[in-house]
PDB file of N, CA and C in Angstrom:
ATOM      1  N   MET A   1       0.852  -1.175   0.000  1.00  0.00           N
ATOM      2  CA  MET A   1       0.000   0.000   0.000  1.00  0.00           C
ATOM      3  C   MET A   1       0.896   1.235   0.000  1.00  0.00           C
ATOM      4  N   THR A   2       0.687   2.091  -0.960  1.00  0.00           N
ATOM      5  CA  THR A   2       1.533   3.271  -1.061  1.00  0.00           C
ATOM      6  C   THR A   2       0.760   4.569  -0.907  1.00  0.00           C
ATOM      7  N   ASN A   3      -0.531   4.484  -0.655  1.00  0.00           N
ATOM      8  CA  ASN A   3      -1.342   5.683  -0.533  1.00  0.00           C
ATOM      9  C   ASN A   3      -0.989   6.406   0.763  1.00  0.00           C
ATOM     10  N   LYS A   4      -0.446   7.620   0.624  1.00  0.00           N
ATOM     11  CA  LYS A   4       0.013   8.350   1.811  1.00  0.00           C
ATOM     12  C   LYS A   4      -1.133   8.936   2.638  1.00  0.00           C
ATOM     13  N   HIS A   5      -2.347   8.891   2.115  1.00  0.00           N
ATOM     14  CA  HIS A   5      -3.497   9.444   2.831  1.00  0.00           C
ATOM     15  C   HIS A   5      -4.330   8.373   3.536  1.00  0.00           C
ATOM     16  N   ILE A   6      -3.916   7.145   3.427  1.00  0.00           N
ATOM     17  CA  ILE A   6      -4.691   6.040   3.999  1.00  0.00           C
ATOM     18  C   ILE A   6      -4.807   6.142   5.526  1.00  0.00           C
ATOM     19  N   HIS A   7      -3.912   6.863   6.149  1.00  0.00           N
ATOM     20  CA  HIS A   7      -3.962   6.989   7.614  1.00  0.00           C
ATOM     21  C   HIS A   7      -5.294   7.566   8.096  1.00  0.00           C
ATOM     22  N   HIS A   8      -6.035   8.249   7.223  1.00  0.00           N
ATOM     23  CA  HIS A   8      -7.350   8.782   7.602  1.00  0.00           C
ATOM     24  C   HIS A   8      -8.342   7.666   7.917  1.00  0.00           C
ATOM     25  N   LEU A   9      -8.055   6.468   7.459  1.00  0.00           N
ATOM     26  CA  LEU A   9      -8.933   5.324   7.706  1.00  0.00           C
ATOM     27  C   LEU A   9      -8.546   4.552   8.966  1.00  0.00           C
ATOM     28  N   GLU A  10      -7.432   4.908   9.574  1.00  0.00           N
ATOM     29  CA  GLU A  10      -6.858   4.130  10.679  1.00  0.00           C
ATOM     30  C   GLU A  10      -7.804   3.946  11.859  1.00  0.00           C
ATOM     31  N   LYS A  11      -8.468   4.991  12.295  1.00  0.00           N
ATOM     32  CA  LYS A  11      -9.270   4.903  13.514  1.00  0.00           C
ATOM     33  C   LYS A  11     -10.703   4.429  13.264  1.00  0.00           C
ATOM     34  N   ILE A  12     -11.089   4.292  12.022  1.00  0.00           N
ATOM     35  CA  ILE A  12     -12.463   3.927  11.685  1.00  0.00           C
ATOM     36  C   ILE A  12     -12.890   2.641  12.384  1.00  0.00           C
ATOM     37  N   CYS A  13     -12.104   1.604  12.265  1.00  0.00           N
ATOM     38  CA  CYS A  13     -12.483   0.302  12.813  1.00  0.00           C
ATOM     39  C   CYS A  13     -11.428  -0.269  13.742  1.00  0.00           C
ATOM     40  N   SER A  14     -10.620   0.582  14.334  1.00  0.00           N
ATOM     41  CA  SER A  14      -9.560   0.091  15.215  1.00  0.00           C
ATOM     42  C   SER A  14     -10.119  -0.679  16.413  1.00  0.00           C
ATOM     43  N   ASP A  15     -11.333  -0.355  16.842  1.00  0.00           N
ATOM     44  CA  ASP A  15     -11.966  -1.090  17.945  1.00  0.00           C
ATOM     45  C   ASP A  15     -12.245  -2.542  17.568  1.00  0.00           C
ATOM     46  N   TYR A  16     -12.244  -2.824  16.276  1.00  0.00           N
ATOM     47  CA  TYR A  16     -12.513  -4.169  15.775  1.00  0.00           C
ATOM     48  C   TYR A  16     -11.264  -4.820  15.197  1.00  0.00           C
ATOM     49  N   CYS A  17     -10.101  -4.311  15.578  1.00  0.00           N
ATOM     50  CA  CYS A  17      -8.805  -4.834  15.126  1.00  0.00           C
ATOM     51  C   CYS A  17      -8.665  -4.803  13.605  1.00  0.00           C
ATOM     52  N   MET A  18      -9.195  -3.773  12.995  1.00  0.00           N
ATOM     53  CA  MET A  18      -9.043  -3.586  11.550  1.00  0.00           C
ATOM     54  C   MET A  18      -8.130  -2.392  11.320  1.00  0.00           C
ATOM     55  N   SER A  19      -7.117  -2.597  10.509  1.00  0.00           N
ATOM     56  CA  SER A  19      -6.169  -1.526  10.203  1.00  0.00           C
ATOM     57  C   SER A  19      -6.718  -0.661   9.073  1.00  0.00           C
ATOM     58  N   ALA A  20      -6.021   0.425   8.786  1.00  0.00           N
ATOM     59  CA  ALA A  20      -6.392   1.286   7.664  1.00  0.00           C
ATOM     60  C   ALA A  20      -6.349   0.504   6.359  1.00  0.00           C
ATOM     61  N   SER A  21      -5.367  -0.351   6.234  1.00  0.00           N
ATOM     62  CA  SER A  21      -5.244  -1.182   5.041  1.00  0.00           C
ATOM     63  C   SER A  21      -6.429  -2.145   4.914  1.00  0.00           C
ATOM     64  N   ASP A  22      -6.864  -2.723   6.032  1.00  0.00           N
ATOM     65  CA  ASP A  22      -8.030  -3.605   6.025  1.00  0.00           C
ATOM     66  C   ASP A  22      -9.274  -2.848   5.551  1.00  0.00           C
ATOM     67  N   VAL A  23      -9.478  -1.660   6.095  1.00  0.00           N
ATOM     68  CA  VAL A  23     -10.633  -0.845   5.718  1.00  0.00           C
ATOM     69  C   VAL A  23     -10.571  -0.506   4.236  1.00  0.00           C
ATOM     70  N   TYR A  24      -9.420  -0.073   3.787  1.00  0.00           N
ATOM     71  CA  TYR A  24      -9.214   0.279   2.376  1.00  0.00           C
ATOM     72  C   TYR A  24      -9.534  -0.908   1.465  1.00  0.00           C
ATOM     73  N   ASN A  25      -8.958  -2.055   1.765  1.00  0.00           N
ATOM     74  CA  ASN A  25      -9.165  -3.246   0.940  1.00  0.00           C
ATOM     75  C   ASN A  25     -10.613  -3.732   0.978  1.00  0.00           C
ATOM     76  N   LEU A  26     -11.238  -3.666   2.132  1.00  0.00           N
ATOM     77  CA  LEU A  26     -12.638  -4.065   2.254  1.00  0.00           C
ATOM     78  C   LEU A  26     -13.532  -3.159   1.404  1.00  0.00           C
ATOM     79  N   LEU A  27     -13.288  -1.861   1.459  1.00  0.00           N
ATOM     80  CA  LEU A  27     -14.106  -0.939   0.679  1.00  0.00           C
ATOM     81  C   LEU A  27     -13.944  -1.163  -0.819  1.00  0.00           C
ATOM     82  N   LEU A  28     -12.741  -1.456  -1.243  1.00  0.00           N
ATOM     83  CA  LEU A  28     -12.509  -1.682  -2.677  1.00  0.00           C
ATOM     84  C   LEU A  28     -13.069  -3.021  -3.149  1.00  0.00           C
ATOM     85  N   SER A  29     -12.913  -4.055  -2.349  1.00  0.00           N
ATOM     86  CA  SER A  29     -13.322  -5.390  -2.780  1.00  0.00           C
ATOM     87  C   SER A  29     -14.779  -5.713  -2.454  1.00  0.00           C
ATOM     88  N   LYS A  30     -15.309  -5.067  -1.422  1.00  0.00           N
ATOM     89  CA  LYS A  30     -16.656  -5.342  -0.900  1.00  0.00           C
ATOM     90  C   LYS A  30     -16.778  -6.771  -0.369  1.00  0.00           C
ATOM     91  N   ASN A  31     -15.648  -7.436  -0.204  1.00  0.00           N
ATOM     92  CA  ASN A  31     -15.626  -8.797   0.319  1.00  0.00           C
ATOM     93  C   ASN A  31     -15.356  -8.728   1.826  1.00  0.00           C
ATOM     94  N   ASP A  32     -16.396  -8.907   2.609  1.00  0.00           N
ATOM     95  CA  ASP A  32     -16.261  -8.744   4.062  1.00  0.00           C
ATOM     96  C   ASP A  32     -16.213 -10.068   4.825  1.00  0.00           C
ATOM     97  N   ALA A  33     -16.031 -11.171   4.123  1.00  0.00           N
ATOM     98  CA  ALA A  33     -16.039 -12.490   4.765  1.00  0.00           C
ATOM     99  C   ALA A  33     -14.954 -12.654   5.828  1.00  0.00           C
ATOM    100  N   ASP A  34     -13.815 -12.031   5.646  1.00  0.00           N
ATOM    101  CA  ASP A  34     -12.700 -12.196   6.585  1.00  0.00           C
ATOM    102  C   ASP A  34     -12.620 -11.092   7.639  1.00  0.00           C
ATOM    103  N   PHE A  35     -13.649 -10.255   7.734  1.00  0.00           N
ATOM    104  CA  PHE A  35     -13.614  -9.117   8.644  1.00  0.00           C
ATOM    105  C   PHE A  35     -14.773  -9.167   9.634  1.00  0.00           C
ATOM    106  N   PRO A  36     -14.583  -8.570  10.800  1.00  0.00           N
ATOM    107  CA  PRO A  36     -15.637  -8.609  11.823  1.00  0.00           C
ATOM    108  C   PRO A  36     -16.838  -7.712  11.509  1.00  0.00           C
ATOM    109  N   LEU A  37     -16.681  -6.780  10.573  1.00  0.00           N
ATOM    110  CA  LEU A  37     -17.766  -5.874  10.213  1.00  0.00           C
ATOM    111  C   LEU A  37     -18.132  -6.036   8.745  1.00  0.00           C
ATOM    112  N   SER A  38     -19.384  -5.781   8.429  1.00  0.00           N
ATOM    113  CA  SER A  38     -19.831  -5.883   7.043  1.00  0.00           C
ATOM    114  C   SER A  38     -19.343  -4.686   6.227  1.00  0.00           C
ATOM    115  N   PHE A  39     -19.341  -4.873   4.924  1.00  0.00           N
ATOM    116  CA  PHE A  39     -18.977  -3.777   4.021  1.00  0.00           C
ATOM    117  C   PHE A  39     -19.843  -2.555   4.300  1.00  0.00           C
ATOM    118  N   GLU A  40     -21.155  -2.746   4.431  1.00  0.00           N
ATOM    119  CA  GLU A  40     -22.076  -1.633   4.645  1.00  0.00           C
ATOM    120  C   GLU A  40     -21.764  -0.879   5.936  1.00  0.00           C
ATOM    121  N   THR A  41     -21.444  -1.612   6.984  1.00  0.00           N
ATOM    122  CA  THR A  41     -21.118  -0.981   8.264  1.00  0.00           C
ATOM    123  C   THR A  41     -19.846  -0.153   8.149  1.00  0.00           C
ATOM    124  N   VAL A  42     -18.831  -0.710   7.525  1.00  0.00           N
ATOM    125  CA  VAL A  42     -17.563   0.012   7.363  1.00  0.00           C
ATOM    126  C   VAL A  42     -17.775   1.242   6.474  1.00  0.00           C
ATOM    127  N   ARG A  43     -18.504   1.071   5.388  1.00  0.00           N
ATOM    128  CA  ARG A  43     -18.790   2.199   4.492  1.00  0.00           C
ATOM    129  C   ARG A  43     -19.493   3.319   5.254  1.00  0.00           C
ATOM    130  N   ASP A  44     -20.478   2.978   6.064  1.00  0.00           N
ATOM    131  CA  ASP A  44     -21.205   3.990   6.832  1.00  0.00           C
ATOM    132  C   ASP A  44     -20.311   4.678   7.857  1.00  0.00           C
ATOM    133  N   LYS A  45     -19.417   3.916   8.491  1.00  0.00           N
ATOM    134  CA  LYS A  45     -18.478   4.504   9.452  1.00  0.00           C
ATOM    135  C   LYS A  45     -17.534   5.483   8.747  1.00  0.00           C
ATOM    136  N   VAL A  46     -17.087   5.112   7.561  1.00  0.00           N
ATOM    137  CA  VAL A  46     -16.198   5.986   6.790  1.00  0.00           C
ATOM    138  C   VAL A  46     -16.922   7.281   6.433  1.00  0.00           C
ATOM    139  N   LEU A  47     -18.168   7.171   5.984  1.00  0.00           N
ATOM    140  CA  LEU A  47     -18.937   8.365   5.646  1.00  0.00           C
ATOM    141  C   LEU A  47     -19.130   9.279   6.852  1.00  0.00           C
ATOM    142  N   LYS A  48     -19.275   8.683   8.003  1.00  0.00           N
ATOM    143  CA  LYS A  48     -19.491   9.462   9.228  1.00  0.00           C
ATOM    144  C   LYS A  48     -18.207  10.138   9.710  1.00  0.00           C
ATOM    145  N   ASP A  49     -17.081   9.440   9.580  1.00  0.00           N
ATOM    146  CA  ASP A  49     -15.860   9.889  10.250  1.00  0.00           C
ATOM    147  C   ASP A  49     -14.745  10.428   9.360  1.00  0.00           C
ATOM    148  N   VAL A  50     -14.876  10.308   8.051  1.00  0.00           N
ATOM    149  CA  VAL A  50     -13.807  10.755   7.152  1.00  0.00           C
ATOM    150  C   VAL A  50     -14.359  11.855   6.254  1.00  0.00           C
ATOM    151  N   SER A  51     -13.628  12.950   6.160  1.00  0.00           N
ATOM    152  CA  SER A  51     -14.090  14.081   5.348  1.00  0.00           C
ATOM    153  C   SER A  51     -14.080  13.750   3.863  1.00  0.00           C
ATOM    154  N   ALA A  52     -14.897  14.467   3.127  1.00  0.00           N
ATOM    155  CA  ALA A  52     -14.957  14.292   1.673  1.00  0.00           C
ATOM    156  C   ALA A  52     -13.596  14.572   1.042  1.00  0.00           C
ATOM    157  N   ASP A  53     -12.888  15.566   1.534  1.00  0.00           N
ATOM    158  CA  ASP A  53     -11.552  15.886   0.999  1.00  0.00           C
ATOM    159  C   ASP A  53     -10.596  14.715   1.185  1.00  0.00           C
ATOM    160  N   SER A  54     -10.647  14.103   2.351  1.00  0.00           N
ATOM    161  CA  SER A  54      -9.779  12.955   2.612  1.00  0.00           C
ATOM    162  C   SER A  54     -10.141  11.784   1.710  1.00  0.00           C
ATOM    163  N   LEU A  55     -11.427  11.545   1.526  1.00  0.00           N
ATOM    164  CA  LEU A  55     -11.852  10.455   0.647  1.00  0.00           C
ATOM    165  C   LEU A  55     -11.339  10.654  -0.772  1.00  0.00           C
ATOM    166  N   GLN A  56     -11.351  11.891  -1.242  1.00  0.00           N
ATOM    167  CA  GLN A  56     -10.843  12.191  -2.584  1.00  0.00           C
ATOM    168  C   GLN A  56      -9.347  11.940  -2.686  1.00  0.00           C
ATOM    169  N   ASN A  57      -8.638  12.102  -1.591  1.00  0.00           N
ATOM    170  CA  ASN A  57      -7.199  11.845  -1.585  1.00  0.00           C
ATOM    171  C   ASN A  57      -6.870  10.359  -1.500  1.00  0.00           C
ATOM    172  N   ILE A  58      -7.778   9.586  -0.965  1.00  0.00           N
ATOM    173  CA  ILE A  58      -7.535   8.159  -0.777  1.00  0.00           C
ATOM    174  C   ILE A  58      -7.952   7.346  -2.000  1.00  0.00           C
ATOM    175  N   PHE A  59      -9.117   7.656  -2.554  1.00  0.00           N
ATOM    176  CA  PHE A  59      -9.704   6.858  -3.631  1.00  0.00           C
ATOM    177  C   PHE A  59      -9.826   7.658  -4.924  1.00  0.00           C
ATOM    178  N   THR A  60      -9.820   6.944  -6.033  1.00  0.00           N
ATOM    179  CA  THR A  60     -10.085   7.579  -7.328  1.00  0.00           C
ATOM    180  C   THR A  60     -11.590   7.805  -7.445  1.00  0.00           C
ATOM    181  N   LEU A  61     -11.993   8.601  -8.406  1.00  0.00           N
ATOM    182  CA  LEU A  61     -13.417   8.861  -8.609  1.00  0.00           C
ATOM    183  C   LEU A  61     -14.169   7.572  -8.933  1.00  0.00           C
ATOM    184  N   GLU A  62     -13.581   6.725  -9.749  1.00  0.00           N
ATOM    185  CA  GLU A  62     -14.224   5.452 -10.087  1.00  0.00           C
ATOM    186  C   GLU A  62     -14.374   4.554  -8.850  1.00  0.00           C
ATOM    187  N   GLU A  63     -13.364   4.542  -8.000  1.00  0.00           N
ATOM    188  CA  GLU A  63     -13.444   3.756  -6.770  1.00  0.00           C
ATOM    189  C   GLU A  63     -14.534   4.314  -5.856  1.00  0.00           C
ATOM    190  N   LEU A  64     -14.606   5.634  -5.752  1.00  0.00           N
ATOM    191  CA  LEU A  64     -15.638   6.263  -4.929  1.00  0.00           C
ATOM    192  C   LEU A  64     -17.026   5.920  -5.448  1.00  0.00           C
ATOM    193  N   LYS A  65     -17.202   5.964  -6.758  1.00  0.00           N
ATOM    194  CA  LYS A  65     -18.499   5.609  -7.350  1.00  0.00           C
ATOM    195  C   LYS A  65     -18.868   4.176  -6.999  1.00  0.00           C
ATOM    196  N   SER A  66     -17.913   3.282  -7.088  1.00  0.00           N
ATOM    197  CA  SER A  66     -18.156   1.875  -6.789  1.00  0.00           C
ATOM    198  C   SER A  66     -18.504   1.667  -5.317  1.00  0.00           C
ATOM    199  N   ILE A  67     -17.765   2.302  -4.448  1.00  0.00           N
ATOM    200  CA  ILE A  67     -17.954   2.129  -3.004  1.00  0.00           C
ATOM    201  C   ILE A  67     -19.283   2.710  -2.534  1.00  0.00           C
ATOM    202  N   PHE A  68     -19.622   3.898  -3.007  1.00  0.00           N
ATOM    203  CA  PHE A  68     -20.763   4.629  -2.452  1.00  0.00           C
ATOM    204  C   PHE A  68     -22.001   4.650  -3.342  1.00  0.00           C
ATOM    205  N   SER A  69     -22.006   3.883  -4.428  1.00  0.00           N
ATOM    206  CA  SER A  69     -23.133   3.920  -5.363  1.00  0.00           C
ATOM    207  C   SER A  69     -24.469   3.511  -4.735  1.00  0.00           C
ATOM    208  N   ASP A  70     -24.447   2.627  -3.762  1.00  0.00           N
ATOM    209  CA  ASP A  70     -25.688   2.165  -3.125  1.00  0.00           C
ATOM    210  C   ASP A  70     -25.968   2.848  -1.792  1.00  0.00           C
ATOM    211  N   THR A  71     -25.334   3.963  -1.559  1.00  0.00           N
ATOM    212  CA  THR A  71     -25.477   4.666  -0.287  1.00  0.00           C
ATOM    213  C   THR A  71     -26.836   5.352  -0.200  1.00  0.00           C
ATOM    214  N   ASN A  72     -27.473   5.208   0.952  1.00  0.00           N
ATOM    215  CA  ASN A  72     -28.708   5.931   1.212  1.00  0.00           C
ATOM    216  C   ASN A  72     -28.326   7.340   1.667  1.00  0.00           C
ATOM    217  N   ILE A  73     -28.473   8.293   0.764  1.00  0.00           N
ATOM    218  CA  ILE A  73     -28.041   9.672   1.023  1.00  0.00           C
ATOM    219  C   ILE A  73     -28.745  10.257   2.244  1.00  0.00           C
ATOM    220  N   LYS A  74     -29.950   9.841   2.509  1.00  0.00           N
ATOM    221  CA  LYS A  74     -30.695  10.371   3.654  1.00  0.00           C
ATOM    222  C   LYS A  74     -30.029  10.046   4.985  1.00  0.00           C
ATOM    223  N   LYS A  75     -29.190   9.005   5.004  1.00  0.00           N
ATOM    224  CA  LYS A  75     -28.508   8.622   6.244  1.00  0.00           C
ATOM    225  C   LYS A  75     -27.204   9.390   6.464  1.00  0.00           C
ATOM    226  N   VAL A  76     -26.735  10.116   5.455  1.00  0.00           N
ATOM    227  CA  VAL A  76     -25.489  10.871   5.568  1.00  0.00           C
ATOM    228  C   VAL A  76     -25.809  12.199   6.237  1.00  0.00           C
ATOM    229  N   LYS A  77     -25.316  12.367   7.463  1.00  0.00           N
ATOM    230  CA  LYS A  77     -25.672  13.547   8.247  1.00  0.00           C
ATOM    231  C   LYS A  77     -24.857  14.790   7.891  1.00  0.00           C
ATOM    232  N   ASN A  78     -23.607  14.610   7.519  1.00  0.00           N
ATOM    233  CA  ASN A  78     -22.746  15.745   7.201  1.00  0.00           C
ATOM    234  C   ASN A  78     -23.151  16.326   5.842  1.00  0.00           C
ATOM    235  N   PRO A  79     -23.587  17.599   5.807  1.00  0.00           N
ATOM    236  CA  PRO A  79     -24.052  18.197   4.555  1.00  0.00           C
ATOM    237  C   PRO A  79     -22.978  18.221   3.457  1.00  0.00           C
ATOM    238  N   GLN A  80     -21.732  18.472   3.838  1.00  0.00           N
ATOM    239  CA  GLN A  80     -20.643  18.500   2.851  1.00  0.00           C
ATOM    240  C   GLN A  80     -20.439  17.112   2.246  1.00  0.00           C
ATOM    241  N   THR A  81     -20.443  16.095   3.076  1.00  0.00           N
ATOM    242  CA  THR A  81     -20.268  14.728   2.599  1.00  0.00           C
ATOM    243  C   THR A  81     -21.467  14.306   1.748  1.00  0.00           C
ATOM    244  N   ARG A  82     -22.673  14.677   2.167  1.00  0.00           N
ATOM    245  CA  ARG A  82     -23.870  14.347   1.403  1.00  0.00           C
ATOM    246  C   ARG A  82     -23.804  14.963   0.004  1.00  0.00           C
ATOM    247  N   LYS A  83     -23.416  16.214  -0.060  1.00  0.00           N
ATOM    248  CA  LYS A  83     -23.299  16.899  -1.351  1.00  0.00           C
ATOM    249  C   LYS A  83     -22.222  16.236  -2.216  1.00  0.00           C
ATOM    250  N   PHE A  84     -21.117  15.881  -1.603  1.00  0.00           N
ATOM    251  CA  PHE A  84     -20.016  15.222  -2.313  1.00  0.00           C
ATOM    252  C   PHE A  84     -20.464  13.890  -2.902  1.00  0.00           C
ATOM    253  N   ILE A  85     -21.096  13.052  -2.110  1.00  0.00           N
ATOM    254  CA  ILE A  85     -21.549  11.742  -2.574  1.00  0.00           C
ATOM    255  C   ILE A  85     -22.596  11.909  -3.676  1.00  0.00           C
ATOM    256  N   THR A  86     -23.516  12.831  -3.481  1.00  0.00           N
ATOM    257  CA  THR A  86     -24.561  13.074  -4.475  1.00  0.00           C
ATOM    258  C   THR A  86     -23.973  13.517  -5.811  1.00  0.00           C
ATOM    259  N   SER A  87     -22.855  14.213  -5.778  1.00  0.00           N
ATOM    260  CA  SER A  87     -22.259  14.746  -7.010  1.00  0.00           C
ATOM    261  C   SER A  87     -21.812  13.678  -7.979  1.00  0.00           C
ATOM    262  N   PHE A  88     -21.524  12.478  -7.504  1.00  0.00           N
ATOM    263  CA  PHE A  88     -21.028  11.463  -8.437  1.00  0.00           C
ATOM    264  C   PHE A  88     -21.882  10.189  -8.483  1.00  0.00           C
ATOM    265  N   ILE A  89     -22.909  10.062  -7.677  1.00  0.00           N
ATOM    266  CA  ILE A  89     -23.714   8.841  -7.765  1.00  0.00           C
ATOM    267  C   ILE A  89     -24.959   9.022  -8.627  1.00  0.00           C
ATOM    268  N   LYS A  90     -25.244  10.224  -9.023  1.00  0.00           N
ATOM    269  CA  LYS A  90     -26.426  10.439  -9.877  1.00  0.00           C
ATOM    270  C   LYS A  90     -26.049  10.431 -11.317  1.00  0.00           C
TER     271      LYS A  90
END
């Protein structure tokens, strides 16, 4: 892993012994069989705790579209993040 911004994912699931790399790989693969949390749970935690600017630094636009395409926008409380997600999923 060479993404220098991945550290923004470090604290997302640390309570569940998941590293930033685990979170990153889970979000990209959507394969949650080997992790204590589901893809949807991790995705929602990321939306809650990671800024839109940080997400843009971590993932490409295509990766963001793939990760957040099925997101229920009504559940995203942060207005900036909601606007950001809406900008590329429609």
